[in-house]
Amino acid sequence: MNPVPFWIVLGLFLSPWLIYPVVLIGISRFFRQYSSSREKPDEWPSVSVLIAARNEEAVIASRIRNLLEQDYEGSIEILIGSDNSDDETDSVAGSFRDQGVILHRSANRIGKPLMIKELLKLSSGKIIVFSDADTVFAPATVTELVTPFTNPSVGCVDGSRRNSLDGDTCESIYWKYETAIKKMCSSVGAVLGATGAVFALRRNLFMPLSARRADDFELAVMTRIQGYACVFNEDAVASEPSPDDAEQFRRLVRIVSWMFVSGILLMGKALKKCMFPLFLQLLVHKVLRWLSGPLLAAATVLAGFLSGGLFYLILFILLCLFHASAMAGWLLKRHMPSKLLFPYYFWLMSIAAIDGILRVLSGNPVETWENKSKGRKN
């Protein structure tokens, strides 16, 4: 059998996980434009914090108090959008009206993107901060999100989301990798997307792809398409509870089913603007990464056909051991060291990505999220 197909498939698989980071190391070293040290502004701009909430009675009070206690020298307004909540979210959030909190309720379920657009209409801040109901900001997070905007070329600032519970999950392991990538991209103002729990945007750059969209990923990329930089500030810290694998799987399916469409549309816009580096970044870091599972499976099959030679036999055995380790992680997760669970987490995330893409192709994307958490307290 001709080995060329194997190397093509393996190369496509390695592109987002090995080739892309190596290229970024070189670019960030020789073309650095944005430093991690930033000057404070002479006058702090007004900030509006937008939070879309659906049945968040257990956490919404603590979330609002956390924002009210932010160590920010400028003004902060807090807007809570209740997405047709059927618990006590509205009454709890409404109890903070005398402290300036704005509550907006949707009588129908509209989803986070449309709720964000509704809240934006009610807001007045020059800088828009986006977050979630179950997120906790460090005291200086808003300040750290706003500071990079002293550079007029910065249009979006992404923060650092951390798990507030101990232990490794498919999400926490992924975020360690993603944080390293963001640091390198930030040095040239080319962070790809933003973290929905903690990022900020200049108000005048809020430009969703369509009337029904306002996703954190596409808002950040659209900032770059408009000619502004997107940077990462690791000191803008937000923590969230670590979801279990079942909950995280559902969330990944929803995210990919939404972001896959965004990615394709943004690639088209990048090509029209002749922004070829951005196009390649979207292709490699997003699309090929979502296809990592099928690519690795195909590479394993092709290595098997070539296993008559010693070199390819060794590769085939190593790939089979990787898949076997993933199966062992699924069966014996509680009894295995966390460092040995990477194959399991890789396949958990890959299957979720495949599920999300298939939902898009079948015309059944997951556009809204349902809070399934129980027992959380204010």
Protein backbone atom coordinates (compact mmCIF):
# COMPACT_ATOMS: atom_id res chain seq x y z
CA MET A 1 0.00 0.00 0.00
CA ASN A 2 1.16 3.54 -0.78
CA PRO A 3 2.15 5.24 2.52
CA VAL A 4 1.32 8.76 1.26
CA PRO A 5 -2.35 8.71 2.43
CA PHE A 6 -1.19 7.70 5.91
CA TRP A 7 1.23 10.63 6.16
CA ILE A 8 -1.35 13.07 4.83
CA VAL A 9 -3.90 11.97 7.43
CA LEU A 10 -1.31 11.91 10.22
CA GLY A 11 -0.13 15.38 9.19
CA LEU A 12 -3.68 16.73 9.31
CA PHE A 13 -4.10 15.19 12.77
CA LEU A 14 -0.82 16.65 14.07
CA SER A 15 -1.47 20.11 12.61
CA PRO A 16 -3.56 21.52 15.50
CA TRP A 17 -1.73 19.64 18.27
CA LEU A 18 1.95 19.86 17.26
CA ILE A 19 2.64 21.85 14.08
CA TYR A 20 0.43 24.81 15.05
CA PRO A 21 2.02 25.30 18.52
CA VAL A 22 5.54 25.01 17.06
CA VAL A 23 4.75 27.70 14.48
CA LEU A 24 3.27 29.91 17.20
CA ILE A 25 6.44 29.60 19.29
CA GLY A 26 8.45 31.04 16.42
CA ILE A 27 5.94 33.79 15.61
CA SER A 28 5.55 34.87 19.25
CA ARG A 29 9.30 35.04 19.70
CA PHE A 30 10.20 37.07 16.62
CA PHE A 31 7.06 39.12 15.97
CA ARG A 32 5.91 40.09 19.46
CA GLN A 33 3.74 43.24 19.44
CA TYR A 34 1.72 43.12 22.68
CA SER A 35 3.42 42.89 26.06
CA SER A 36 1.89 41.43 29.20
CA SER A 37 2.84 44.64 31.06
CA ARG A 38 0.23 47.37 30.52
CA GLU A 39 -0.22 50.97 31.63
CA LYS A 40 -3.35 52.03 33.49
CA PRO A 41 -5.63 54.52 31.72
CA ASP A 42 -5.85 58.15 32.83
CA GLU A 43 -9.61 57.71 33.11
CA TRP A 44 -11.28 54.35 33.62
CA PRO A 45 -14.10 53.75 31.10
CA SER A 46 -17.62 52.78 32.12
CA VAL A 47 -18.24 49.02 32.09
CA SER A 48 -21.39 46.99 31.55
CA VAL A 49 -21.37 43.34 32.67
CA LEU A 50 -23.84 41.15 30.76
CA ILE A 51 -25.00 37.81 32.15
CA ALA A 52 -27.58 35.55 30.53
CA ALA A 53 -29.18 33.28 33.14
CA ARG A 54 -31.52 30.33 32.92
CA ASN A 55 -32.73 28.81 36.21
CA GLU A 56 -29.76 30.04 38.25
CA GLU A 57 -31.49 30.73 41.58
CA ALA A 58 -28.75 28.84 43.44
CA VAL A 59 -25.88 31.05 42.28
CA ILE A 60 -27.24 34.34 40.93
CA ALA A 61 -27.12 36.20 44.26
CA SER A 62 -23.49 35.29 44.92
CA ARG A 63 -22.65 36.17 41.31
CA ILE A 64 -24.15 39.65 41.67
CA ARG A 65 -22.45 40.25 45.02
CA ASN A 66 -19.15 39.17 43.49
CA LEU A 67 -19.54 41.79 40.75
CA LEU A 68 -20.63 44.50 43.18
CA GLU A 69 -17.44 43.87 45.18
CA GLN A 70 -15.09 44.27 42.19
CA ASP A 71 -12.05 46.47 42.82
CA TYR A 72 -12.61 48.74 39.81
CA GLU A 73 -12.07 52.50 39.87
CA GLY A 74 -14.59 53.25 37.14
CA SER A 75 -18.34 52.64 37.06
CA ILE A 76 -19.83 49.17 36.63
CA GLU A 77 -23.42 48.39 35.72
CA ILE A 78 -24.68 44.83 36.02
CA LEU A 79 -27.35 43.45 33.69
CA ILE A 80 -28.97 40.06 34.26
CA GLY A 81 -31.01 38.49 31.48
CA SER A 82 -33.41 35.83 32.70
CA ASP A 83 -34.08 33.48 29.79
CA ASN A 84 -37.63 32.48 30.71
CA SER A 85 -36.44 31.07 34.04
CA ASP A 86 -39.08 29.06 35.88
CA ASP A 87 -37.39 29.07 39.29
CA GLU A 88 -36.61 31.98 41.65
CA THR A 89 -33.89 33.54 39.46
CA ASP A 90 -36.01 36.62 38.71
CA SER A 91 -36.97 37.37 42.29
CA VAL A 92 -33.43 36.85 43.59
CA ALA A 93 -31.85 39.05 40.90
CA GLY A 94 -34.65 41.60 41.27
CA SER A 95 -33.84 42.04 44.96
CA PHE A 96 -30.63 43.83 43.88
CA ARG A 97 -32.42 46.55 41.90
CA ASP A 98 -31.82 49.09 44.66
CA GLN A 99 -28.09 48.52 44.10
CA GLY A 100 -28.36 49.38 40.43
CA VAL A 101 -28.69 45.88 39.00
CA ILE A 102 -30.81 45.75 35.84
CA LEU A 103 -33.01 42.66 35.39
CA HIS A 104 -34.43 41.82 31.99
CA ARG A 105 -36.73 38.83 31.56
CA SER A 106 -37.60 37.10 28.33
CA ALA A 107 -41.10 35.64 28.26
CA ASN A 108 -39.93 33.04 25.74
CA ARG A 109 -36.80 30.87 25.65
CA ILE A 110 -34.41 32.66 23.27
CA GLY A 111 -30.95 31.30 24.16
CA LYS A 112 -27.80 33.06 25.31
CA PRO A 113 -26.80 34.84 22.05
CA LEU A 114 -30.13 36.61 21.62
CA MET A 115 -30.31 37.38 25.33
CA ILE A 116 -26.89 39.05 25.16
CA LYS A 117 -28.13 41.24 22.32
CA GLU A 118 -31.17 42.24 24.37
CA LEU A 119 -28.99 43.17 27.34
CA LEU A 120 -26.65 45.17 25.14
CA LYS A 121 -29.55 47.43 24.12
CA LEU A 122 -30.18 48.21 27.80
CA SER A 123 -26.52 48.81 28.67
CA SER A 124 -24.52 52.04 28.56
CA GLY A 125 -20.89 51.03 29.18
CA LYS A 126 -18.10 51.79 26.73
CA ILE A 127 -16.56 48.41 27.55
CA ILE A 128 -18.80 45.33 27.59
CA VAL A 129 -17.79 42.48 29.89
CA PHE A 130 -19.32 39.06 29.29
CA SER A 131 -19.64 36.37 31.94
CA ASP A 132 -21.77 33.49 33.22
CA ALA A 133 -24.04 33.08 36.21
CA ASP A 134 -21.93 30.43 37.94
CA THR A 135 -18.62 32.27 37.47
CA VAL A 136 -16.65 33.99 40.23
CA PHE A 137 -14.31 36.86 39.35
CA ALA A 138 -11.14 37.58 41.31
CA PRO A 139 -11.35 41.07 42.91
CA ALA A 140 -9.29 42.71 40.15
CA THR A 141 -10.72 40.83 37.17
CA VAL A 142 -12.72 43.72 35.69
CA THR A 143 -9.70 46.00 36.09
CA GLU A 144 -7.47 43.46 34.35
CA LEU A 145 -9.97 43.07 31.51
CA VAL A 146 -10.18 46.82 30.95
CA THR A 147 -6.49 47.79 31.28
CA PRO A 148 -5.33 46.45 27.86
CA PHE A 149 -7.82 48.79 26.15
CA THR A 150 -5.43 51.66 26.86
CA ASN A 151 -3.87 50.47 23.61
CA PRO A 152 -6.29 51.79 20.96
CA SER A 153 -5.52 48.88 18.63
CA VAL A 154 -6.94 46.34 21.13
CA GLY A 155 -10.57 45.51 20.49
CA CYS A 156 -11.12 42.38 22.60
CA VAL A 157 -9.55 41.08 25.82
CA ASP A 158 -9.88 37.45 26.84
CA GLY A 159 -9.52 36.38 30.46
CA SER A 160 -8.37 33.21 32.18
CA ARG A 161 -11.01 30.72 33.24
CA ARG A 162 -9.98 28.29 35.93
CA ASN A 163 -11.78 25.41 37.58
CA SER A 164 -12.65 26.13 41.18
CA LEU A 165 -12.74 22.46 42.12
CA ASP A 166 -9.72 20.18 42.36
CA GLY A 167 -9.09 17.34 39.95
CA ASP A 168 -8.58 16.88 36.22
CA THR A 169 -11.48 16.67 33.82
CA CYS A 170 -11.68 16.71 30.05
CA GLU A 171 -12.24 20.47 30.37
CA SER A 172 -9.40 21.29 32.78
CA ILE A 173 -6.81 19.36 30.76
CA TYR A 174 -7.98 21.08 27.59
CA TRP A 175 -7.73 24.52 29.21
CA LYS A 176 -4.11 23.98 30.20
CA TYR A 177 -3.30 23.45 26.53
CA GLU A 178 -5.55 26.29 25.39
CA THR A 179 -4.01 28.76 27.86
CA ALA A 180 -0.50 28.07 26.52
CA ILE A 181 -1.76 28.63 22.97
CA LYS A 182 -3.53 31.88 23.94
CA LYS A 183 -0.39 33.31 25.52
CA MET A 184 1.52 32.87 22.28
CA CYS A 185 -1.31 34.21 20.12
CA SER A 186 -1.75 37.19 22.42
CA SER A 187 1.81 38.38 21.81
CA VAL A 188 0.80 39.25 18.24
CA GLY A 189 -2.81 40.22 19.01
CA ALA A 190 -4.17 37.09 17.39
CA VAL A 191 -6.11 35.25 20.10
CA LEU A 192 -8.67 33.08 18.31
CA GLY A 193 -12.01 33.44 20.06
CA ALA A 194 -12.75 34.27 23.67
CA THR A 195 -13.85 32.56 26.88
CA GLY A 196 -17.56 33.13 27.41
CA ALA A 197 -17.12 33.28 31.19
CA VAL A 198 -14.65 36.17 31.15
CA PHE A 199 -13.93 38.48 28.22
CA ALA A 200 -14.42 42.12 27.27
CA LEU A 201 -15.15 43.99 24.06
CA ARG A 202 -15.28 47.60 22.92
CA ARG A 203 -18.96 48.43 22.60
CA ASN A 204 -18.66 49.76 19.06
CA LEU A 205 -17.06 46.49 17.90
CA PHE A 206 -19.99 44.27 18.89
CA MET A 207 -20.74 42.70 15.52
CA PRO A 208 -22.34 39.22 15.43
CA LEU A 209 -22.32 37.23 12.21
CA SER A 210 -26.10 37.43 11.87
CA ALA A 211 -29.23 38.70 13.61
CA ARG A 212 -29.54 35.46 15.61
CA ARG A 213 -25.92 35.17 16.67
CA ALA A 214 -23.74 36.74 19.37
CA ASP A 215 -21.31 33.99 20.34
CA ASP A 216 -18.12 34.67 22.34
CA PHE A 217 -15.98 32.91 19.73
CA GLU A 218 -17.32 34.84 16.76
CA LEU A 219 -17.47 38.21 18.55
CA ALA A 220 -13.75 37.98 19.26
CA VAL A 221 -12.85 36.88 15.73
CA MET A 222 -15.09 39.56 14.21
CA THR A 223 -13.08 42.09 16.22
CA ARG A 224 -9.98 40.95 14.37
CA ILE A 225 -11.79 41.02 11.02
CA GLN A 226 -12.62 44.66 11.78
CA GLY A 227 -8.89 45.35 12.10
CA TYR A 228 -8.40 45.23 15.87
CA ALA A 229 -6.27 42.97 18.05
CA CYS A 230 -7.58 40.31 20.41
CA VAL A 231 -5.30 39.74 23.41
CA PHE A 232 -5.22 37.47 26.45
CA ASN A 233 -4.72 38.67 30.03
CA GLU A 234 -4.00 35.78 32.35
CA ASP A 235 -4.50 38.04 35.37
CA ALA A 236 -8.19 38.53 34.54
CA VAL A 237 -9.18 35.44 36.49
CA ALA A 238 -12.59 33.78 36.64
CA SER A 239 -13.33 30.46 38.32
CA GLU A 240 -16.14 28.04 37.68
CA PRO A 241 -17.10 24.66 39.16
CA SER A 242 -15.60 21.71 37.34
CA PRO A 243 -18.44 19.87 35.59
CA ASP A 244 -18.45 16.10 35.61
CA ASP A 245 -17.67 14.36 32.33
CA ALA A 246 -21.32 13.75 31.42
CA GLU A 247 -22.25 17.41 31.87
CA GLN A 248 -19.13 18.57 30.08
CA PHE A 249 -19.86 16.22 27.18
CA ARG A 250 -23.30 17.79 26.73
CA ARG A 251 -21.79 21.27 26.87
CA LEU A 252 -19.11 20.42 24.31
CA VAL A 253 -21.75 19.05 21.93
CA ARG A 254 -23.67 22.31 22.21
CA ILE A 255 -20.56 24.47 21.81
CA VAL A 256 -19.26 22.64 18.74
CA SER A 257 -22.70 22.46 17.10
CA TRP A 258 -22.83 26.25 17.36
CA MET A 259 -19.16 27.08 16.75
CA PHE A 260 -18.83 24.84 13.69
CA VAL A 261 -21.21 27.10 11.79
CA SER A 262 -19.41 30.17 13.16
CA GLY A 263 -16.06 28.77 12.08
CA ILE A 264 -17.16 28.17 8.49
CA LEU A 265 -18.77 31.62 8.21
CA LEU A 266 -15.71 33.33 9.71
CA MET A 267 -13.37 31.48 7.35
CA GLY A 268 -15.43 32.85 4.47
CA LYS A 269 -15.18 36.40 5.83
CA ALA A 270 -11.43 36.03 6.36
CA LEU A 271 -10.98 34.97 2.74
CA LYS A 272 -13.05 37.90 1.46
CA LYS A 273 -10.81 40.25 3.48
CA CYS A 274 -7.68 38.43 2.21
CA MET A 275 -6.79 37.67 5.83
CA PHE A 276 -5.07 34.39 4.99
CA PRO A 277 -3.29 33.89 8.36
CA LEU A 278 -6.66 34.15 10.13
CA PHE A 279 -8.21 31.73 7.63
CA LEU A 280 -5.44 29.18 8.28
CA GLN A 281 -5.71 29.71 12.02
CA LEU A 282 -9.45 28.95 11.92
CA LEU A 283 -8.89 25.92 9.71
CA VAL A 284 -6.10 24.40 11.78
CA HIS A 285 -6.91 25.37 15.35
CA LYS A 286 -10.67 24.91 15.10
CA VAL A 287 -11.88 22.76 12.19
CA LEU A 288 -9.01 20.25 12.15
CA ARG A 289 -9.04 20.00 15.92
CA TRP A 290 -12.75 19.17 15.89
CA LEU A 291 -11.95 16.44 13.34
CA SER A 292 -9.05 15.02 15.37
CA GLY A 293 -10.92 11.86 16.38
CA PRO A 294 -11.81 10.69 12.84
CA LEU A 295 -8.33 11.66 11.60
CA LEU A 296 -6.61 9.63 14.32
CA ALA A 297 -8.91 6.67 13.70
CA ALA A 298 -8.16 6.85 9.96
CA ALA A 299 -4.40 7.05 10.66
CA THR A 300 -4.66 3.91 12.80
CA VAL A 301 -6.45 1.96 10.06
CA LEU A 302 -3.96 3.09 7.42
CA ALA A 303 -1.03 2.18 9.70
CA GLY A 304 -2.59 -1.26 10.06
CA PHE A 305 -2.59 -1.74 6.28
CA LEU A 306 1.09 -0.76 6.23
CA SER A 307 2.10 -2.89 9.21
CA GLY A 308 3.95 -5.38 7.05
CA GLY A 309 6.97 -3.16 7.61
CA LEU A 310 8.55 -2.88 11.07
CA PHE A 311 8.30 0.92 11.27
CA TYR A 312 4.58 1.03 10.49
CA LEU A 313 3.96 -2.00 12.70
CA ILE A 314 5.43 -0.09 15.66
CA LEU A 315 3.30 2.96 14.80
CA PHE A 316 0.19 0.77 14.53
CA ILE A 317 0.87 -0.82 17.93
CA LEU A 318 1.44 2.58 19.57
CA LEU A 319 -1.80 3.95 18.12
CA CYS A 320 -3.70 0.86 19.27
CA LEU A 321 -2.24 1.28 22.75
CA PHE A 322 -3.49 4.88 22.78
CA HIS A 323 -7.03 3.75 21.94
CA ALA A 324 -6.81 0.90 24.47
CA SER A 325 -5.74 3.42 27.12
CA ALA A 326 -8.81 5.51 26.30
CA MET A 327 -11.03 2.47 26.78
CA ALA A 328 -9.28 1.65 30.07
CA GLY A 329 -9.84 5.23 31.21
CA TRP A 330 -13.54 4.90 30.45
CA LEU A 331 -13.82 1.65 32.40
CA LEU A 332 -11.40 2.38 35.26
CA LYS A 333 -11.42 6.17 35.51
CA ARG A 334 -11.65 6.31 39.29
CA HIS A 335 -8.73 3.92 39.73
CA MET A 336 -6.25 5.47 37.28
CA PRO A 337 -3.79 8.35 37.83
CA SER A 338 -5.01 11.55 36.20
CA LYS A 339 -1.91 11.76 33.98
CA LEU A 340 -2.89 8.47 32.32
CA LEU A 341 -6.38 9.68 31.46
CA PHE A 342 -5.39 11.91 28.53
CA PRO A 343 -6.40 9.32 25.86
CA TYR A 344 -9.81 8.99 27.53
CA TYR A 345 -10.33 12.76 27.66
CA PHE A 346 -9.14 13.13 24.07
CA TRP A 347 -11.77 10.69 22.84
CA LEU A 348 -14.48 12.10 25.11
CA MET A 349 -13.94 15.54 23.60
CA SER A 350 -13.55 14.15 20.07
CA ILE A 351 -16.81 12.21 20.22
CA ALA A 352 -18.58 15.31 21.56
CA ALA A 353 -17.16 17.32 18.63
CA ILE A 354 -18.31 14.67 16.14
CA ASP A 355 -21.76 14.64 17.74
CA GLY A 356 -21.95 18.43 17.50
CA ILE A 357 -20.90 18.48 13.82
CA LEU A 358 -23.38 15.72 12.93
CA ARG A 359 -26.15 17.71 14.61
CA VAL A 360 -25.30 20.68 12.41
CA LEU A 361 -25.23 18.56 9.26
CA SER A 362 -28.57 17.00 10.19
CA GLY A 363 -30.13 20.43 10.79
CA ASN A 364 -30.51 19.85 14.53
CA PRO A 365 -27.89 22.03 16.31
CA VAL A 366 -28.05 22.49 20.08
CA GLU A 367 -28.70 26.23 20.40
CA THR A 368 -29.76 26.48 24.04
CA TRP A 369 -28.42 25.10 27.28
CA GLU A 370 -30.36 23.71 30.21
CA ASN A 371 -28.97 23.98 33.73
CA LYS A 372 -28.93 20.45 35.12
CA SER A 373 -26.89 21.28 38.24
CA LYS A 374 -28.50 20.50 41.57
CA GLY A 375 -27.86 21.55 45.08
CA ARG A 376 -25.84 24.72 44.45
CA LYS A 377 -26.14 27.41 47.09
CA ASN A 378 -25.79 31.19 47.11
